[in-house]
């Protein structure tokens, strides 16, 4: 499971990214930020949410989505626009990315047709729009860690 990576595509809200940085630090999972960010990495809200864990994050940065897609990795894209559950994400394939879109736009539109077999969702009641990004990342990450016996963090 140590080949798992959390990927955020063009995140908008520094507090969410800070919380996700904290999650990445305490689980020793690398965090990759892809594309245009809606904030500066030096922003105080990012640092406040990440607290003193930010120095422990394996933070990676790729400036374009195309460059990210050139990497040879298995990807699972999380979205509200599909029916396959996140509990069906396979854990035996490496290297492995769980990919989340921005808070305002979600994943790029072309992903929905290009990666149909790699789309997963967190169930919500009918009519609900979405969960908070940091909450979604935590749900999926800890589910995958649990399925793998929390190797490397216990």
C-alpha atoms as a PDB file:
ATOM      1  CA  UNK A   1       0.000   0.000   0.000  1.00  0.00           C
ATOM      2  CA  UNK A   2       3.014   2.284   0.320  1.00  0.00           C
ATOM      3  CA  UNK A   3       2.690   3.016  -3.392  1.00  0.00           C
ATOM      4  CA  UNK A   4      -0.652   4.749  -2.757  1.00  0.00           C
ATOM      5  CA  UNK A   5      -0.804   8.459  -3.503  1.00  0.00           C
ATOM      6  CA  UNK A   6      -3.527  11.060  -2.947  1.00  0.00           C
ATOM      7  CA  UNK A   7      -3.982  13.344  -5.957  1.00  0.00           C
ATOM      8  CA  UNK A   8      -5.872  16.641  -5.980  1.00  0.00           C
ATOM      9  CA  UNK A   9      -6.714  18.113  -9.384  1.00  0.00           C
ATOM     10  CA  UNK A  10      -6.789  21.918  -9.194  1.00  0.00           C
ATOM     11  CA  UNK A  11      -7.981  22.311  -5.589  1.00  0.00           C
ATOM     12  CA  UNK A  12      -9.643  25.650  -4.752  1.00  0.00           C
ATOM     13  CA  UNK A  13      -9.836  25.914  -0.973  1.00  0.00           C
ATOM     14  CA  UNK A  14      -6.624  26.139   1.078  1.00  0.00           C
ATOM     15  CA  UNK A  15      -8.248  24.887   4.290  1.00  0.00           C
ATOM     16  CA  UNK A  16      -9.291  21.637   2.565  1.00  0.00           C
ATOM     17  CA  UNK A  17      -5.837  21.117   1.115  1.00  0.00           C
ATOM     18  CA  UNK A  18      -4.294  21.861   4.518  1.00  0.00           C
ATOM     19  CA  UNK A  19      -6.496  19.221   6.137  1.00  0.00           C
ATOM     20  CA  UNK A  20      -5.578  16.745   3.413  1.00  0.00           C
ATOM     21  CA  UNK A  21      -1.891  17.562   3.936  1.00  0.00           C
ATOM     22  CA  UNK A  22      -2.342  16.685   7.591  1.00  0.00           C
ATOM     23  CA  UNK A  23      -4.017  13.390   6.639  1.00  0.00           C
ATOM     24  CA  UNK A  24      -1.174  12.626   4.212  1.00  0.00           C
ATOM     25  CA  UNK A  25       1.400  13.338   6.915  1.00  0.00           C
ATOM     26  CA  UNK A  26      -0.160  11.095   9.573  1.00  0.00           C
ATOM     27  CA  UNK A  27      -0.618   8.219   7.114  1.00  0.00           C
ATOM     28  CA  UNK A  28       2.736   8.621   5.298  1.00  0.00           C
ATOM     29  CA  UNK A  29       0.928   8.829   1.953  1.00  0.00           C
ATOM     30  CA  UNK A  30       2.355  11.219  -0.647  1.00  0.00           C
ATOM     31  CA  UNK A  31       0.114  14.078  -1.761  1.00  0.00           C
ATOM     32  CA  UNK A  32       0.252  15.308  -5.341  1.00  0.00           C
ATOM     33  CA  UNK A  33      -1.219  18.682  -6.318  1.00  0.00           C
ATOM     34  CA  UNK A  34      -1.946  18.896 -10.048  1.00  0.00           C
ATOM     35  CA  UNK A  35      -2.667  21.891 -12.249  1.00  0.00           C
ATOM     36  CA  UNK A  36      -3.695  25.397 -11.301  1.00  0.00           C
ATOM     37  CA  UNK A  37      -4.215  25.936  -7.583  1.00  0.00           C
ATOM     38  CA  UNK A  38      -6.855  28.303  -6.241  1.00  0.00           C
ATOM     39  CA  UNK A  39      -4.429  29.536  -3.579  1.00  0.00           C
ATOM     40  CA  UNK A  40      -0.746  29.976  -2.804  1.00  0.00           C
ATOM     41  CA  UNK A  41       1.124  27.159  -1.080  1.00  0.00           C
ATOM     42  CA  UNK A  42       2.364  29.772   1.386  1.00  0.00           C
ATOM     43  CA  UNK A  43      -1.171  30.901   2.282  1.00  0.00           C
ATOM     44  CA  UNK A  44      -1.866  31.169   6.017  1.00  0.00           C
ATOM     45  CA  UNK A  45      -5.147  29.186   5.803  1.00  0.00           C
ATOM     46  CA  UNK A  46      -3.278  26.248   4.292  1.00  0.00           C
ATOM     47  CA  UNK A  47      -0.680  26.335   7.053  1.00  0.00           C
ATOM     48  CA  UNK A  48      -3.288  26.778   9.773  1.00  0.00           C
ATOM     49  CA  UNK A  49      -5.299  23.745   8.627  1.00  0.00           C
ATOM     50  CA  UNK A  50      -2.165  21.632   8.183  1.00  0.00           C
ATOM     51  CA  UNK A  51      -0.724  22.843  11.485  1.00  0.00           C
ATOM     52  CA  UNK A  52       2.693  21.502  12.379  1.00  0.00           C
ATOM     53  CA  UNK A  53       2.244  18.437  10.153  1.00  0.00           C
ATOM     54  CA  UNK A  54       3.048  20.260   6.915  1.00  0.00           C
ATOM     55  CA  UNK A  55       6.782  19.643   7.254  1.00  0.00           C
ATOM     56  CA  UNK A  56       6.079  15.886   7.396  1.00  0.00           C
ATOM     57  CA  UNK A  57       4.138  15.729   4.110  1.00  0.00           C
ATOM     58  CA  UNK A  58       5.635  14.176   1.010  1.00  0.00           C
ATOM     59  CA  UNK A  59       4.166  16.977  -1.124  1.00  0.00           C
ATOM     60  CA  UNK A  60       4.587  16.689  -4.861  1.00  0.00           C
ATOM     61  CA  UNK A  61       3.558  19.178  -7.534  1.00  0.00           C
ATOM     62  CA  UNK A  62       2.786  18.797 -11.250  1.00  0.00           C
ATOM     63  CA  UNK A  63       1.736  21.973 -13.038  1.00  0.00           C
ATOM     64  CA  UNK A  64      -0.480  20.485 -15.774  1.00  0.00           C
ATOM     65  CA  UNK A  65      -3.108  17.754 -15.907  1.00  0.00           C
ATOM     66  CA  UNK A  66      -1.648  16.423 -19.170  1.00  0.00           C
ATOM     67  CA  UNK A  67       1.759  15.997 -17.558  1.00  0.00           C
ATOM     68  CA  UNK A  68       0.144  14.094 -14.676  1.00  0.00           C
ATOM     69  CA  UNK A  69      -1.734  11.773 -17.052  1.00  0.00           C
ATOM     70  CA  UNK A  70       1.553  10.856 -18.756  1.00  0.00           C
ATOM     71  CA  UNK A  71       2.665   9.035 -15.595  1.00  0.00           C
ATOM     72  CA  UNK A  72       2.286   5.265 -15.691  1.00  0.00           C
ATOM     73  CA  UNK A  73       0.028   4.730 -12.667  1.00  0.00           C
ATOM     74  CA  UNK A  74      -3.299   3.091 -11.951  1.00  0.00           C
ATOM     75  CA  UNK A  75      -5.892   5.749 -11.127  1.00  0.00           C
ATOM     76  CA  UNK A  76      -9.229   5.715  -9.349  1.00  0.00           C
ATOM     77  CA  UNK A  77     -11.199   8.913  -9.868  1.00  0.00           C
ATOM     78  CA  UNK A  78     -13.669   9.936  -7.165  1.00  0.00           C
ATOM     79  CA  UNK A  79     -16.825  11.699  -8.308  1.00  0.00           C
ATOM     80  CA  UNK A  80     -20.516  12.124  -7.600  1.00  0.00           C
ATOM     81  CA  UNK A  81     -21.274  11.324 -11.251  1.00  0.00           C
ATOM     82  CA  UNK A  82     -21.163   7.530 -11.276  1.00  0.00           C
ATOM     83  CA  UNK A  83     -22.666   4.582  -9.426  1.00  0.00           C
ATOM     84  CA  UNK A  84     -19.667   2.322  -8.677  1.00  0.00           C
ATOM     85  CA  UNK A  85     -18.833   2.586  -4.971  1.00  0.00           C
ATOM     86  CA  UNK A  86     -15.449   3.507  -3.513  1.00  0.00           C
ATOM     87  CA  UNK A  87     -15.598   0.236  -1.576  1.00  0.00           C
ATOM     88  CA  UNK A  88     -15.035  -1.509  -4.929  1.00  0.00           C
ATOM     89  CA  UNK A  89     -11.674   0.180  -5.539  1.00  0.00           C
ATOM     90  CA  UNK A  90      -9.116  -2.591  -6.098  1.00  0.00           C
ATOM     91  CA  UNK A  91      -6.132  -2.493  -3.755  1.00  0.00           C
ATOM     92  CA  UNK A  92      -3.857  -5.037  -5.440  1.00  0.00           C
ATOM     93  CA  UNK A  93      -2.697  -2.780  -8.298  1.00  0.00           C
ATOM     94  CA  UNK A  94       0.394  -0.585  -7.853  1.00  0.00           C
ATOM     95  CA  UNK A  95       1.437   2.178  -8.223  1.00  0.00           C
ATOM     96  CA  UNK A  96      -1.897   3.554  -7.247  1.00  0.00           C
ATOM     97  CA  UNK A  97      -3.546   7.012  -7.184  1.00  0.00           C
ATOM     98  CA  UNK A  98      -6.849   8.074  -5.686  1.00  0.00           C
ATOM     99  CA  UNK A  99      -7.782  11.214  -7.596  1.00  0.00           C
ATOM    100  CA  UNK A 100     -10.141  13.985  -6.508  1.00  0.00           C
ATOM    101  CA  UNK A 101     -11.298  17.015  -8.502  1.00  0.00           C
ATOM    102  CA  UNK A 102     -11.608  20.603  -7.355  1.00  0.00           C
ATOM    103  CA  UNK A 103     -14.246  21.767  -4.911  1.00  0.00           C
ATOM    104  CA  UNK A 104     -15.914  24.032  -7.479  1.00  0.00           C
ATOM    105  CA  UNK A 105     -15.619  22.009 -10.700  1.00  0.00           C
ATOM    106  CA  UNK A 106     -14.979  18.393  -9.749  1.00  0.00           C
ATOM    107  CA  UNK A 107     -12.952  16.369 -12.224  1.00  0.00           C
ATOM    108  CA  UNK A 108     -12.294  17.660 -15.728  1.00  0.00           C
ATOM    109  CA  UNK A 109     -15.321  16.853 -17.925  1.00  0.00           C
ATOM    110  CA  UNK A 110     -13.381  14.637 -20.348  1.00  0.00           C
ATOM    111  CA  UNK A 111     -12.514  12.228 -17.508  1.00  0.00           C
ATOM    112  CA  UNK A 112     -16.139  11.053 -17.356  1.00  0.00           C
ATOM    113  CA  UNK A 113     -15.969   9.554 -20.845  1.00  0.00           C
ATOM    114  CA  UNK A 114     -12.269   8.681 -20.956  1.00  0.00           C
ATOM    115  CA  UNK A 115     -12.040   6.850 -17.600  1.00  0.00           C
ATOM    116  CA  UNK A 116     -15.541   5.390 -17.166  1.00  0.00           C
ATOM    117  CA  UNK A 117     -14.248   2.138 -15.685  1.00  0.00           C
ATOM    118  CA  UNK A 118     -12.104   4.010 -13.145  1.00  0.00           C
ATOM    119  CA  UNK A 119     -14.808   6.251 -11.643  1.00  0.00           C
ATOM    120  CA  UNK A 120     -15.957   5.666  -8.055  1.00  0.00           C
ATOM    121  CA  UNK A 121     -18.344   7.438  -5.713  1.00  0.00           C
ATOM    122  CA  UNK A 122     -19.139   7.795  -2.024  1.00  0.00           C
ATOM    123  CA  UNK A 123     -22.880   7.155  -1.555  1.00  0.00           C
ATOM    124  CA  UNK A 124     -25.069  10.007  -0.335  1.00  0.00           C
ATOM    125  CA  UNK A 125     -28.789  10.502   0.033  1.00  0.00           C
ATOM    126  CA  UNK A 126     -30.692  11.393  -3.114  1.00  0.00           C
ATOM    127  CA  UNK A 127     -30.552  15.111  -3.859  1.00  0.00           C
ATOM    128  CA  UNK A 128     -27.323  15.735  -1.924  1.00  0.00           C
ATOM    129  CA  UNK A 129     -24.788  17.582  -4.066  1.00  0.00           C
ATOM    130  CA  UNK A 130     -21.441  16.537  -2.586  1.00  0.00           C
ATOM    131  CA  UNK A 131     -19.339  15.954   0.498  1.00  0.00           C
ATOM    132  CA  UNK A 132     -16.505  18.206   1.603  1.00  0.00           C
ATOM    133  CA  UNK A 133     -13.300  17.401  -0.293  1.00  0.00           C
ATOM    134  CA  UNK A 134     -11.185  16.802   2.818  1.00  0.00           C
ATOM    135  CA  UNK A 135     -13.896  14.529   4.268  1.00  0.00           C
ATOM    136  CA  UNK A 136     -14.087  12.563   1.013  1.00  0.00           C
ATOM    137  CA  UNK A 137     -10.329  12.070   0.896  1.00  0.00           C
ATOM    138  CA  UNK A 138     -10.337  10.867   4.514  1.00  0.00           C
ATOM    139  CA  UNK A 139     -13.201   8.413   3.925  1.00  0.00           C
ATOM    140  CA  UNK A 140     -11.572   6.783   0.915  1.00  0.00           C
ATOM    141  CA  UNK A 141      -8.016   6.839   2.279  1.00  0.00           C
ATOM    142  CA  UNK A 142      -8.874   5.214   5.582  1.00  0.00           C
ATOM    143  CA  UNK A 143     -11.094   2.662   3.871  1.00  0.00           C
ATOM    144  CA  UNK A 144      -8.188   1.597   1.651  1.00  0.00           C
ATOM    145  CA  UNK A 145      -5.767   1.566   4.584  1.00  0.00           C
ATOM    146  CA  UNK A 146      -8.228  -0.560   6.583  1.00  0.00           C
ATOM    147  CA  UNK A 147      -8.601  -3.073   3.751  1.00  0.00           C
ATOM    148  CA  UNK A 148      -4.829  -3.410   3.718  1.00  0.00           C
ATOM    149  CA  UNK A 149      -4.530  -3.896   7.487  1.00  0.00           C
ATOM    150  CA  UNK A 150      -3.126  -0.392   8.120  1.00  0.00           C
ATOM    151  CA  UNK A 151       0.288  -1.594   6.918  1.00  0.00           C
ATOM    152  CA  UNK A 152       2.992   1.066   7.365  1.00  0.00           C
ATOM    153  CA  UNK A 153       1.036   3.192   9.862  1.00  0.00           C
ATOM    154  CA  UNK A 154       0.471   0.910  12.873  1.00  0.00           C
END
